[in-house]
Amino acid sequence: VLVTHDLAHAHFPSQLPFFHRLYYQIFAPKFNRRADRIVAVS
């Protein structure tokens, strides 16, 4: 069960350092697709 707070990294990628941005771009979709259940905060 994955708690996802926001996707700010996807909306404002230029505001992240390069390697942080790359990590989120690659792995955030994988994490959310892999989870059996997701709990969003809003």
All heavy atoms as atom14 arrays in JSON, in Angstrom:
{
  "sequence": "VLVTHDLAHAHFPSQLPFFHRLYYQIFAPKFNRRADRIVAVS",
  "atom14_mask": [
    [1, 1, 1, 1, 1, 1, 1, 0, 0, 0, 0, 0, 0, 0],
    [1, 1, 1, 1, 1, 1, 1, 1, 0, 0, 0, 0, 0, 0],
    [1, 1, 1, 1, 1, 1, 1, 0, 0, 0, 0, 0, 0, 0],
    [1, 1, 1, 1, 1, 1, 1, 0, 0, 0, 0, 0, 0, 0],
    [1, 1, 1, 1, 1, 1, 1, 1, 1, 1, 0, 0, 0, 0],
    [1, 1, 1, 1, 1, 1, 1, 1, 0, 0, 0, 0, 0, 0],
    [1, 1, 1, 1, 1, 1, 1, 1, 0, 0, 0, 0, 0, 0],
    [1, 1, 1, 1, 1, 0, 0, 0, 0, 0, 0, 0, 0, 0],
    [1, 1, 1, 1, 1, 1, 1, 1, 1, 1, 0, 0, 0, 0],
    [1, 1, 1, 1, 1, 0, 0, 0, 0, 0, 0, 0, 0, 0],
    [1, 1, 1, 1, 1, 1, 1, 1, 1, 1, 0, 0, 0, 0],
    [1, 1, 1, 1, 1, 1, 1, 1, 1, 1, 1, 0, 0, 0],
    [1, 1, 1, 1, 1, 1, 1, 0, 0, 0, 0, 0, 0, 0],
    [1, 1, 1, 1, 1, 1, 0, 0, 0, 0, 0, 0, 0, 0],
    [1, 1, 1, 1, 1, 1, 1, 1, 1, 0, 0, 0, 0, 0],
    [1, 1, 1, 1, 1, 1, 1, 1, 0, 0, 0, 0, 0, 0],
    [1, 1, 1, 1, 1, 1, 1, 0, 0, 0, 0, 0, 0, 0],
    [1, 1, 1, 1, 1, 1, 1, 1, 1, 1, 1, 0, 0, 0],
    [1, 1, 1, 1, 1, 1, 1, 1, 1, 1, 1, 0, 0, 0],
    [1, 1, 1, 1, 1, 1, 1, 1, 1, 1, 0, 0, 0, 0],
    [1, 1, 1, 1, 1, 1, 1, 1, 1, 1, 1, 0, 0, 0],
    [1, 1, 1, 1, 1, 1, 1, 1, 0, 0, 0, 0, 0, 0],
    [1, 1, 1, 1, 1, 1, 1, 1, 1, 1, 1, 1, 0, 0],
    [1, 1, 1, 1, 1, 1, 1, 1, 1, 1, 1, 1, 0, 0],
    [1, 1, 1, 1, 1, 1, 1, 1, 1, 0, 0, 0, 0, 0],
    [1, 1, 1, 1, 1, 1, 1, 1, 0, 0, 0, 0, 0, 0],
    [1, 1, 1, 1, 1, 1, 1, 1, 1, 1, 1, 0, 0, 0],
    [1, 1, 1, 1, 1, 0, 0, 0, 0, 0, 0, 0, 0, 0],
    [1, 1, 1, 1, 1, 1, 1, 0, 0, 0, 0, 0, 0, 0],
    [1, 1, 1, 1, 1, 1, 1, 1, 1, 0, 0, 0, 0, 0],
    [1, 1, 1, 1, 1, 1, 1, 1, 1, 1, 1, 0, 0, 0],
    [1, 1, 1, 1, 1, 1, 1, 1, 0, 0, 0, 0, 0, 0],
    [1, 1, 1, 1, 1, 1, 1, 1, 1, 1, 1, 0, 0, 0],
    [1, 1, 1, 1, 1, 1, 1, 1, 1, 1, 1, 0, 0, 0],
    [1, 1, 1, 1, 1, 0, 0, 0, 0, 0, 0, 0, 0, 0],
    [1, 1, 1, 1, 1, 1, 1, 1, 0, 0, 0, 0, 0, 0],
    [1, 1, 1, 1, 1, 1, 1, 1, 1, 1, 1, 0, 0, 0],
    [1, 1, 1, 1, 1, 1, 1, 1, 0, 0, 0, 0, 0, 0],
    [1, 1, 1, 1, 1, 1, 1, 0, 0, 0, 0, 0, 0, 0],
    [1, 1, 1, 1, 1, 0, 0, 0, 0, 0, 0, 0, 0, 0],
    [1, 1, 1, 1, 1, 1, 1, 0, 0, 0, 0, 0, 0, 0],
    [1, 1, 1, 1, 1, 1, 0, 0, 0, 0, 0, 0, 0, 0]
  ],
  "atom14_positions": [
    [[0.86, -1.18, 0.0], [0.0, 0.0, 0.0], [0.9, 1.23, 0.0], [1.75, 1.39, 0.88], [-0.94, 0.03, 1.23], [-1.74, 1.33, 1.26], [-1.87, -1.18, 1.21], [0.0, 0.0, 0.0], [0.0, 0.0, 0.0], [0.0, 0.0, 0.0], [0.0, 0.0, 0.0], [0.0, 0.0, 0.0], [0.0, 0.0, 0.0], [0.0, 0.0, 0.0]],
    [[0.72, 2.08, -1.0], [1.58, 3.25, -1.19], [0.79, 4.53, -0.91], [-0.29, 4.73, -1.47], [2.09, 3.28, -2.63], [2.94, 4.48, -3.06], [4.29, 4.47, -2.37], [3.13, 4.48, -4.58], [0.0, 0.0, 0.0], [0.0, 0.0, 0.0], [0.0, 0.0, 0.0], [0.0, 0.0, 0.0], [0.0, 0.0, 0.0], [0.0, 0.0, 0.0]],
    [[1.32, 5.38, -0.03], [0.73, 6.7, 0.19], [1.43, 7.7, -0.74], [2.65, 7.87, -0.66], [0.86, 7.15, 1.65], [0.26, 8.55, 1.83], [0.18, 6.15, 2.59], [0.0, 0.0, 0.0], [0.0, 0.0, 0.0], [0.0, 0.0, 0.0], [0.0, 0.0, 0.0], [0.0, 0.0, 0.0], [0.0, 0.0, 0.0], [0.0, 0.0, 0.0]],
    [[0.66, 8.32, -1.62], [1.21, 9.33, -2.53], [0.67, 10.7, -2.14], [-0.55, 10.91, -2.1], [0.83, 9.01, -3.99], [1.44, 7.76, -4.36], [1.3, 10.1, -4.93], [0.0, 0.0, 0.0], [0.0, 0.0, 0.0], [0.0, 0.0, 0.0], [0.0, 0.0, 0.0], [0.0, 0.0, 0.0], [0.0, 0.0, 0.0], [0.0, 0.0, 0.0]],
    [[1.6, 11.6, -1.86], [1.22, 12.93, -1.37], [0.97, 13.91, -2.51], [0.05, 14.72, -2.44], [2.29, 13.46, -0.42], [2.42, 12.64, 0.82], [1.72, 12.93, 1.97], [3.13, 11.52, 1.08], [2.02, 12.03, 2.9], [2.86, 11.16, 2.38], [0.0, 0.0, 0.0], [0.0, 0.0, 0.0], [0.0, 0.0, 0.0], [0.0, 0.0, 0.0]],
    [[1.81, 13.88, -3.53], [1.62, 14.79, -4.66], [2.51, 14.35, -5.81], [3.38, 13.49, -5.66], [1.92, 16.24, -4.27], [3.36, 16.46, -3.85], [4.28, 16.18, -4.66], [3.6, 16.92, -2.71], [0.0, 0.0, 0.0], [0.0, 0.0, 0.0], [0.0, 0.0, 0.0], [0.0, 0.0, 0.0], [0.0, 0.0, 0.0], [0.0, 0.0, 0.0]],
    [[2.29, 14.98, -6.96], [3.13, 14.79, -8.14], [3.76, 16.12, -8.54], [3.86, 16.45, -9.72], [2.29, 14.23, -9.3], [1.58, 12.9, -9.06], [0.85, 12.45, -10.32], [2.55, 11.82, -8.59], [0.0, 0.0, 0.0], [0.0, 0.0, 0.0], [0.0, 0.0, 0.0], [0.0, 0.0, 0.0], [0.0, 0.0, 0.0], [0.0, 0.0, 0.0]],
    [[4.23, 16.86, -7.54], [4.82, 18.17, -7.82], [6.0, 18.07, -8.76], [6.23, 18.95, -9.59], [5.24, 18.83, -6.5], [0.0, 0.0, 0.0], [0.0, 0.0, 0.0], [0.0, 0.0, 0.0], [0.0, 0.0, 0.0], [0.0, 0.0, 0.0], [0.0, 0.0, 0.0], [0.0, 0.0, 0.0], [0.0, 0.0, 0.0], [0.0, 0.0, 0.0]],
    [[6.75, 16.97, -8.64], [7.92, 16.79, -9.51], [7.53, 16.74, -10.98], [8.33, 17.1, -11.86], [8.65, 15.51, -9.13], [7.79, 14.29, -9.19], [6.98, 13.89, -8.14], [7.57, 13.41, -10.18], [6.33, 12.81, -8.48], [6.66, 12.49, -9.71], [0.0, 0.0, 0.0], [0.0, 0.0, 0.0], [0.0, 0.0, 0.0], [0.0, 0.0, 0.0]],
    [[6.33, 16.25, -11.27], [5.88, 16.16, -12.66], [5.36, 17.5, -13.18], [5.45, 17.79, -14.37], [4.78, 15.11, -12.78], [0.0, 0.0, 0.0], [0.0, 0.0, 0.0], [0.0, 0.0, 0.0], [0.0, 0.0, 0.0], [0.0, 0.0, 0.0], [0.0, 0.0, 0.0], [0.0, 0.0, 0.0], [0.0, 0.0, 0.0], [0.0, 0.0, 0.0]],
    [[4.83, 18.32, -12.29], [4.29, 19.61, -12.7], [5.37, 20.7, -12.77], [5.26, 21.63, -13.57], [3.2, 20.04, -11.72], [1.96, 19.22, -11.8], [0.89, 19.55, -12.6], [1.62, 18.05, -11.2], [-0.06, 18.64, -12.48], [0.36, 17.71, -11.62], [0.0, 0.0, 0.0], [0.0, 0.0, 0.0], [0.0, 0.0, 0.0], [0.0, 0.0, 0.0]],
    [[6.39, 20.58, -11.93], [7.44, 21.6, -11.87], [8.82, 20.94, -11.93], [9.64, 21.09, -11.02], [7.31, 22.43, -10.59], [6.05, 23.23, -10.52], [4.91, 22.69, -9.92], [5.97, 24.5, -11.05], [3.73, 23.41, -9.85], [4.79, 25.23, -11.0], [3.67, 24.69, -10.4], [0.0, 0.0, 0.0], [0.0, 0.0, 0.0], [0.0, 0.0, 0.0]],
    [[9.11, 20.21, -13.0], [10.38, 19.49, -13.07], [11.6, 20.4, -13.04], [12.65, 20.03, -12.53], [10.28, 18.72, -14.39], [9.27, 19.47, -15.2], [8.29, 20.0, -14.21], [0.0, 0.0, 0.0], [0.0, 0.0, 0.0], [0.0, 0.0, 0.0], [0.0, 0.0, 0.0], [0.0, 0.0, 0.0], [0.0, 0.0, 0.0], [0.0, 0.0, 0.0]],
    [[11.47, 21.6, -13.6], [12.62, 22.51, -13.67], [13.06, 23.01, -12.3], [14.16, 23.55, -12.15], [12.3, 23.7, -14.57], [11.26, 24.48, -14.02], [0.0, 0.0, 0.0], [0.0, 0.0, 0.0], [0.0, 0.0, 0.0], [0.0, 0.0, 0.0], [0.0, 0.0, 0.0], [0.0, 0.0, 0.0], [0.0, 0.0, 0.0], [0.0, 0.0, 0.0]],
    [[12.21, 22.83, -11.3], [12.54, 23.3, -9.96], [13.28, 22.26, -9.12], [13.56, 22.48, -7.95], [11.28, 23.76, -9.24], [10.63, 24.97, -9.91], [9.43, 25.5, -9.16], [9.14, 25.07, -8.05], [8.73, 26.44, -9.74], [0.0, 0.0, 0.0], [0.0, 0.0, 0.0], [0.0, 0.0, 0.0], [0.0, 0.0, 0.0], [0.0, 0.0, 0.0]],
    [[13.61, 21.12, -9.74], [14.36, 20.08, -9.05], [15.77, 19.98, -9.62], [15.98, 20.19, -10.82], [13.67, 18.73, -9.2], [12.36, 18.51, -8.45], [11.75, 17.18, -8.86], [12.59, 18.55, -6.95], [0.0, 0.0, 0.0], [0.0, 0.0, 0.0], [0.0, 0.0, 0.0], [0.0, 0.0, 0.0], [0.0, 0.0, 0.0], [0.0, 0.0, 0.0]],
    [[16.75, 19.62, -8.78], [18.08, 19.31, -9.32], [17.97, 18.17, -10.33], [17.09, 17.32, -10.25], [18.86, 18.89, -8.08], [18.13, 19.48, -6.92], [16.68, 19.5, -7.32], [0.0, 0.0, 0.0], [0.0, 0.0, 0.0], [0.0, 0.0, 0.0], [0.0, 0.0, 0.0], [0.0, 0.0, 0.0], [0.0, 0.0, 0.0], [0.0, 0.0, 0.0]],
    [[18.9, 18.13, -11.28], [18.81, 17.22, -12.42], [18.62, 15.76, -11.99], [17.73, 15.07, -12.51], [20.06, 17.34, -13.3], [20.11, 16.32, -14.4], [19.31, 16.45, -15.53], [20.93, 15.19, -14.29], [19.34, 15.49, -16.54], [20.96, 14.23, -15.31], [20.15, 14.39, -16.42], [0.0, 0.0, 0.0], [0.0, 0.0, 0.0], [0.0, 0.0, 0.0]],
    [[19.45, 15.25, -11.09], [19.39, 13.84, -10.74], [18.13, 13.51, -9.94], [17.56, 12.42, -10.08], [20.65, 13.4, -9.99], [21.84, 13.29, -10.89], [22.87, 14.23, -10.82], [21.94, 12.28, -11.84], [23.96, 14.14, -11.68], [23.03, 12.18, -12.68], [24.05, 13.12, -12.61], [0.0, 0.0, 0.0], [0.0, 0.0, 0.0], [0.0, 0.0, 0.0]],
    [[17.66, 14.44, -9.12], [16.37, 14.23, -8.43], [15.25, 14.14, -9.47], [14.36, 13.28, -9.38], [16.1, 15.38, -7.47], [16.97, 15.39, -6.26], [18.29, 15.76, -6.3], [16.71, 15.08, -4.97], [18.81, 15.69, -5.09], [17.88, 15.26, -4.26], [0.0, 0.0, 0.0], [0.0, 0.0, 0.0], [0.0, 0.0, 0.0], [0.0, 0.0, 0.0]],
    [[15.28, 15.06, -10.42], [14.24, 15.08, -11.45], [14.24, 13.79, -12.25], [13.18, 13.2, -12.5], [14.49, 16.28, -12.37], [13.47, 16.4, -13.49], [13.56, 17.75, -14.19], [14.79, 17.92, -14.97], [15.76, 18.76, -14.69], [15.69, 19.52, -13.6], [16.81, 18.86, -15.47], [0.0, 0.0, 0.0], [0.0, 0.0, 0.0], [0.0, 0.0, 0.0]],
    [[15.41, 13.33, -12.62], [15.52, 12.09, -13.4], [15.0, 10.91, -12.61], [14.28, 10.04, -13.15], [16.98, 11.87, -13.8], [17.27, 10.71, -14.75], [16.57, 10.93, -16.09], [18.77, 10.54, -14.95], [0.0, 0.0, 0.0], [0.0, 0.0, 0.0], [0.0, 0.0, 0.0], [0.0, 0.0, 0.0], [0.0, 0.0, 0.0], [0.0, 0.0, 0.0]],
    [[15.34, 10.84, -11.32], [14.89, 9.74, -10.47], [13.36, 9.69, -10.42], [12.74, 8.63, -10.63], [15.46, 9.9, -9.07], [15.02, 8.83, -8.1], [15.7, 7.62, -8.01], [13.89, 9.01, -7.3], [15.27, 6.62, -7.14], [13.47, 8.02, -6.43], [14.17, 6.84, -6.35], [13.75, 5.86, -5.5], [0.0, 0.0, 0.0], [0.0, 0.0, 0.0]],
    [[12.75, 10.84, -10.16], [11.29, 10.88, -10.07], [10.63, 10.55, -11.4], [9.61, 9.85, -11.45], [10.82, 12.25, -9.59], [10.95, 12.45, -8.1], [11.76, 13.45, -7.58], [10.24, 11.66, -7.21], [11.87, 13.65, -6.21], [10.33, 11.83, -5.84], [11.16, 12.83, -5.34], [11.27, 13.01, -4.0], [0.0, 0.0, 0.0], [0.0, 0.0, 0.0]],
    [[11.19, 11.05, -12.5], [10.61, 10.79, -13.81], [10.59, 9.29, -14.13], [9.63, 8.79, -14.72], [11.39, 11.54, -14.89], [11.13, 13.04, -14.91], [12.02, 13.77, -15.92], [13.02, 13.23, -16.39], [11.66, 15.01, -16.23], [0.0, 0.0, 0.0], [0.0, 0.0, 0.0], [0.0, 0.0, 0.0], [0.0, 0.0, 0.0], [0.0, 0.0, 0.0]],
    [[11.65, 8.6, -13.71], [11.75, 7.17, -14.01], [10.93, 6.33, -13.04], [10.17, 5.45, -13.44], [13.23, 6.72, -13.99], [14.0, 7.38, -15.13], [13.34, 5.19, -14.08], [15.5, 7.17, -15.06], [0.0, 0.0, 0.0], [0.0, 0.0, 0.0], [0.0, 0.0, 0.0], [0.0, 0.0, 0.0], [0.0, 0.0, 0.0], [0.0, 0.0, 0.0]],
    [[11.08, 6.64, -11.74], [10.57, 5.71, -10.74], [9.19, 6.04, -10.18], [8.46, 5.11, -9.78], [11.57, 5.58, -9.59], [12.79, 4.79, -9.95], [13.99, 5.44, -10.23], [12.74, 3.42, -10.05], [15.12, 4.72, -10.58], [13.86, 2.68, -10.41], [15.05, 3.33, -10.68], [0.0, 0.0, 0.0], [0.0, 0.0, 0.0], [0.0, 0.0, 0.0]],
    [[8.79, 7.29, -10.13], [7.47, 7.6, -9.56], [6.34, 6.88, -10.29], [5.45, 6.29, -9.65], [7.24, 9.11, -9.53], [0.0, 0.0, 0.0], [0.0, 0.0, 0.0], [0.0, 0.0, 0.0], [0.0, 0.0, 0.0], [0.0, 0.0, 0.0], [0.0, 0.0, 0.0], [0.0, 0.0, 0.0], [0.0, 0.0, 0.0], [0.0, 0.0, 0.0]],
    [[6.31, 6.86, -11.64], [5.25, 6.08, -12.3], [5.33, 4.59, -11.99], [4.3, 3.93, -11.8], [5.52, 6.34, -13.79], [6.34, 7.57, -13.85], [7.17, 7.56, -12.6], [0.0, 0.0, 0.0], [0.0, 0.0, 0.0], [0.0, 0.0, 0.0], [0.0, 0.0, 0.0], [0.0, 0.0, 0.0], [0.0, 0.0, 0.0], [0.0, 0.0, 0.0]],
    [[6.55, 4.05, -11.91], [6.72, 2.62, -11.61], [6.21, 2.3, -10.21], [5.54, 1.27, -10.0], [8.2, 2.23, -11.72], [8.78, 2.31, -13.13], [10.24, 1.92, -13.12], [10.87, 2.04, -14.51], [10.33, 1.05, -15.45], [0.0, 0.0, 0.0], [0.0, 0.0, 0.0], [0.0, 0.0, 0.0], [0.0, 0.0, 0.0], [0.0, 0.0, 0.0]],
    [[6.53, 3.14, -9.23], [6.09, 2.9, -7.86], [4.57, 2.86, -7.79], [3.98, 1.96, -7.17], [6.6, 4.0, -6.92], [8.09, 3.98, -6.71], [8.77, 5.16, -6.41], [8.83, 2.81, -6.78], [10.14, 5.16, -6.2], [10.19, 2.8, -6.58], [10.85, 3.98, -6.28], [0.0, 0.0, 0.0], [0.0, 0.0, 0.0], [0.0, 0.0, 0.0]],
    [[3.92, 3.84, -8.41], [2.47, 3.91, -8.33], [1.79, 2.79, -9.1], [0.73, 2.29, -8.69], [1.99, 5.28, -8.83], [2.19, 6.38, -7.79], [1.38, 6.53, -6.88], [3.27, 7.13, -7.92], [0.0, 0.0, 0.0], [0.0, 0.0, 0.0], [0.0, 0.0, 0.0], [0.0, 0.0, 0.0], [0.0, 0.0, 0.0], [0.0, 0.0, 0.0]],
    [[2.39, 2.35, -10.21], [1.8, 1.25, -10.96], [2.02, -0.09, -10.27], [1.2, -0.99, -10.38], [2.36, 1.25, -12.38], [1.87, 2.42, -13.22], [2.62, 2.6, -14.51], [2.17, 3.8, -15.22], [2.93, 4.52, -16.04], [4.18, 4.14, -16.28], [2.45, 5.6, -16.63], [0.0, 0.0, 0.0], [0.0, 0.0, 0.0], [0.0, 0.0, 0.0]],
    [[3.13, -0.21, -9.56], [3.45, -1.46, -8.85], [2.57, -1.66, -7.61], [2.21, -2.79, -7.27], [4.93, -1.46, -8.45], [5.33, -2.42, -7.32], [5.11, -3.89, -7.71], [5.38, -4.78, -6.6], [4.51, -5.12, -5.67], [3.28, -4.6, -5.69], [4.83, -5.97, -4.71], [0.0, 0.0, 0.0], [0.0, 0.0, 0.0], [0.0, 0.0, 0.0]],
    [[2.22, -0.6, -6.94], [1.47, -0.71, -5.68], [0.15, -1.45, -5.89], [-0.53, -1.29, -6.91], [1.2, 0.67, -5.11], [0.0, 0.0, 0.0], [0.0, 0.0, 0.0], [0.0, 0.0, 0.0], [0.0, 0.0, 0.0], [0.0, 0.0, 0.0], [0.0, 0.0, 0.0], [0.0, 0.0, 0.0], [0.0, 0.0, 0.0], [0.0, 0.0, 0.0]],
    [[-0.2, -2.28, -4.92], [-1.49, -2.97, -5.0], [-2.64, -2.03, -4.67], [-3.72, -2.15, -5.24], [-1.48, -4.16, -4.03], [-0.46, -5.2, -4.45], [-0.76, -5.97, -5.38], [0.65, -5.22, -3.88], [0.0, 0.0, 0.0], [0.0, 0.0, 0.0], [0.0, 0.0, 0.0], [0.0, 0.0, 0.0], [0.0, 0.0, 0.0], [0.0, 0.0, 0.0]],
    [[-2.4, -1.13, -3.74], [-3.37, -0.09, -3.41], [-2.6, 1.22, -3.23], [-1.46, 1.23, -2.75], [-4.13, -0.4, -2.11], [-5.0, -1.64, -2.15], [-6.22, -1.45, -3.04], [-7.04, -0.31, -2.63], [-8.05, 0.19, -3.37], [-8.35, -0.34, -4.55], [-8.74, 1.22, -2.93], [0.0, 0.0, 0.0], [0.0, 0.0, 0.0], [0.0, 0.0, 0.0]],
    [[-3.24, 2.33, -3.59], [-2.68, 3.67, -3.38], [-3.63, 4.46, -2.5], [-4.85, 4.43, -2.71], [-2.47, 4.4, -4.71], [-1.5, 3.65, -5.61], [-1.97, 5.84, -4.47], [-1.4, 4.23, -7.02], [0.0, 0.0, 0.0], [0.0, 0.0, 0.0], [0.0, 0.0, 0.0], [0.0, 0.0, 0.0], [0.0, 0.0, 0.0], [0.0, 0.0, 0.0]],
    [[-3.06, 5.16, -1.55], [-3.82, 6.11, -0.75], [-3.31, 7.51, -1.09], [-2.13, 7.81, -0.86], [-3.68, 5.84, 0.76], [-4.4, 6.93, 1.56], [-4.24, 4.47, 1.11], [0.0, 0.0, 0.0], [0.0, 0.0, 0.0], [0.0, 0.0, 0.0], [0.0, 0.0, 0.0], [0.0, 0.0, 0.0], [0.0, 0.0, 0.0], [0.0, 0.0, 0.0]],
    [[-4.16, 8.34, -1.68], [-3.82, 9.73, -1.96], [-4.29, 10.61, -0.82], [-5.27, 10.28, -0.13], [-4.47, 10.17, -3.27], [0.0, 0.0, 0.0], [0.0, 0.0, 0.0], [0.0, 0.0, 0.0], [0.0, 0.0, 0.0], [0.0, 0.0, 0.0], [0.0, 0.0, 0.0], [0.0, 0.0, 0.0], [0.0, 0.0, 0.0], [0.0, 0.0, 0.0]],
    [[-3.6, 11.74, -0.61], [-3.96, 12.6, 0.52], [-5.06, 13.61, 0.17], [-5.53, 14.33, 1.03], [-2.74, 13.34, 1.08], [-1.71, 12.36, 1.63], [-2.11, 14.27, 0.03], [0.0, 0.0, 0.0], [0.0, 0.0, 0.0], [0.0, 0.0, 0.0], [0.0, 0.0, 0.0], [0.0, 0.0, 0.0], [0.0, 0.0, 0.0], [0.0, 0.0, 0.0]],
    [[-5.47, 13.64, -1.1], [-6.55, 14.54, -1.52], [-7.19, 13.99, -2.78], [-6.59, 13.18, -3.51], [-6.02, 15.95, -1.78], [-5.09, 15.95, -2.85], [0.0, 0.0, 0.0], [0.0, 0.0, 0.0], [0.0, 0.0, 0.0], [0.0, 0.0, 0.0], [0.0, 0.0, 0.0], [0.0, 0.0, 0.0], [0.0, 0.0, 0.0], [0.0, 0.0, 0.0]]
  ]
}
